[in-house]
Amino acid sequence: MKEVTITIINKLGLHARAASKLVSISNRFEATLELGRAGKFVDAKNIIALLLSSASKGTQVTLRANGSDEEDALDAVCALINNRFDEPE
């Protein structure tokens, strides 16, 4: 299992469109992916769970992955977050 801590940097945070993109990326991998905030982790392949995490701009989240492609999965999700979910600022 690997994990990384990252900050949500897009203006609107983890809103519906951003969560949808995160789920889409996460589902490309066999590894289980979880997003954690304040010690509580949710399935990063479940849009409802992500929306309920209420991760706004500036929130630090922990991503953890477990599986054969865990490193690639974390790299892809981190790239999406660091690219502000491909949203204009």
Protein backbone atom coordinates (compact mmCIF):
# COMPACT_ATOMS: atom_id res chain seq x y z
CA MET A 1 0.00 0.00 0.00
CA LYS A 2 1.24 3.46 -0.92
CA GLU A 3 -0.08 6.81 0.17
CA VAL A 4 0.55 10.45 -0.53
CA THR A 5 -0.77 13.70 0.94
CA ILE A 6 -1.81 16.41 -1.49
CA THR A 7 -3.67 19.73 -1.34
CA ILE A 8 -6.81 20.44 -3.36
CA ILE A 9 -5.84 23.60 -5.27
CA ASN A 10 -8.65 24.25 -7.72
CA LYS A 11 -10.97 27.14 -6.94
CA LEU A 12 -14.16 25.10 -6.50
CA GLY A 13 -12.65 22.15 -4.61
CA LEU A 14 -13.94 18.63 -5.05
CA HIS A 15 -17.29 19.56 -6.60
CA ALA A 16 -19.38 17.32 -8.87
CA ARG A 17 -17.41 17.75 -12.10
CA ALA A 18 -14.05 17.37 -10.36
CA ALA A 19 -15.28 14.31 -8.43
CA SER A 20 -16.53 12.79 -11.68
CA LYS A 21 -13.10 13.22 -13.26
CA LEU A 22 -11.43 11.70 -10.21
CA VAL A 23 -13.75 8.68 -10.35
CA SER A 24 -13.10 8.29 -14.08
CA ILE A 25 -9.32 8.29 -13.57
CA SER A 26 -9.56 5.99 -10.53
CA ASN A 27 -11.61 3.40 -12.41
CA ARG A 28 -8.84 2.96 -14.99
CA PHE A 29 -6.80 1.07 -12.40
CA GLU A 30 -7.17 -2.27 -10.66
CA ALA A 31 -5.79 -0.89 -7.41
CA THR A 32 -8.18 0.18 -4.69
CA LEU A 33 -8.02 3.94 -4.23
CA GLU A 34 -9.13 5.88 -1.18
CA LEU A 35 -9.23 9.56 -0.37
CA GLY A 36 -8.90 10.54 3.26
CA ARG A 37 -9.57 13.70 5.17
CA ALA A 38 -9.42 14.17 8.94
CA GLY A 39 -8.69 10.48 9.41
CA LYS A 40 -11.74 9.26 7.49
CA PHE A 41 -11.22 7.50 4.16
CA VAL A 42 -13.70 7.03 1.33
CA ASP A 43 -13.63 5.03 -1.89
CA ALA A 44 -12.17 7.21 -4.66
CA LYS A 45 -14.17 5.20 -7.19
CA ASN A 46 -17.48 6.28 -5.63
CA ILE A 47 -18.70 9.75 -6.63
CA ILE A 48 -21.18 10.07 -3.77
CA ALA A 49 -18.50 9.26 -1.21
CA LEU A 50 -16.17 11.83 -2.76
CA LEU A 51 -18.81 14.54 -2.76
CA LEU A 52 -19.58 13.86 0.89
CA SER A 53 -15.90 14.32 1.77
CA SER A 54 -16.43 18.09 1.32
CA ALA A 55 -12.86 18.80 0.22
CA SER A 56 -12.76 22.50 -0.60
CA LYS A 57 -9.84 24.54 -1.96
CA GLY A 58 -6.86 24.32 0.38
CA THR A 59 -7.93 21.03 1.97
CA GLN A 60 -5.14 18.52 2.47
CA VAL A 61 -6.20 15.00 1.58
CA THR A 62 -4.42 11.69 1.76
CA LEU A 63 -4.64 9.36 -1.19
CA ARG A 64 -3.85 5.73 -0.67
CA ALA A 65 -3.74 2.92 -3.16
CA ASN A 66 -3.31 -0.80 -2.86
CA GLY A 67 -2.80 -3.15 -5.78
CA SER A 68 -0.56 -4.09 -8.66
CA ASP A 69 -0.80 -0.67 -10.32
CA GLU A 70 -0.98 1.43 -7.14
CA GLU A 71 1.92 3.70 -8.06
CA ASP A 72 0.50 4.50 -11.50
CA ALA A 73 -2.92 5.13 -9.95
CA LEU A 74 -1.52 7.59 -7.40
CA ASP A 75 0.53 9.35 -10.08
CA ALA A 76 -2.55 9.78 -12.30
CA VAL A 77 -4.79 11.09 -9.51
CA CYS A 78 -2.09 13.45 -8.22
CA ALA A 79 -1.55 14.78 -11.74
CA LEU A 80 -5.29 15.45 -12.05
CA ILE A 81 -5.40 17.30 -8.74
CA ASN A 82 -2.23 19.28 -9.47
CA ASN A 83 -3.70 20.23 -12.85
CA ARG A 84 -6.74 21.69 -11.05
CA PHE A 85 -8.99 18.96 -12.52
CA ASP A 86 -8.39 20.52 -15.97
CA GLU A 87 -10.50 23.53 -14.99
CA PRO A 88 -9.72 27.14 -15.92
CA GLU A 89 -8.89 29.33 -12.95
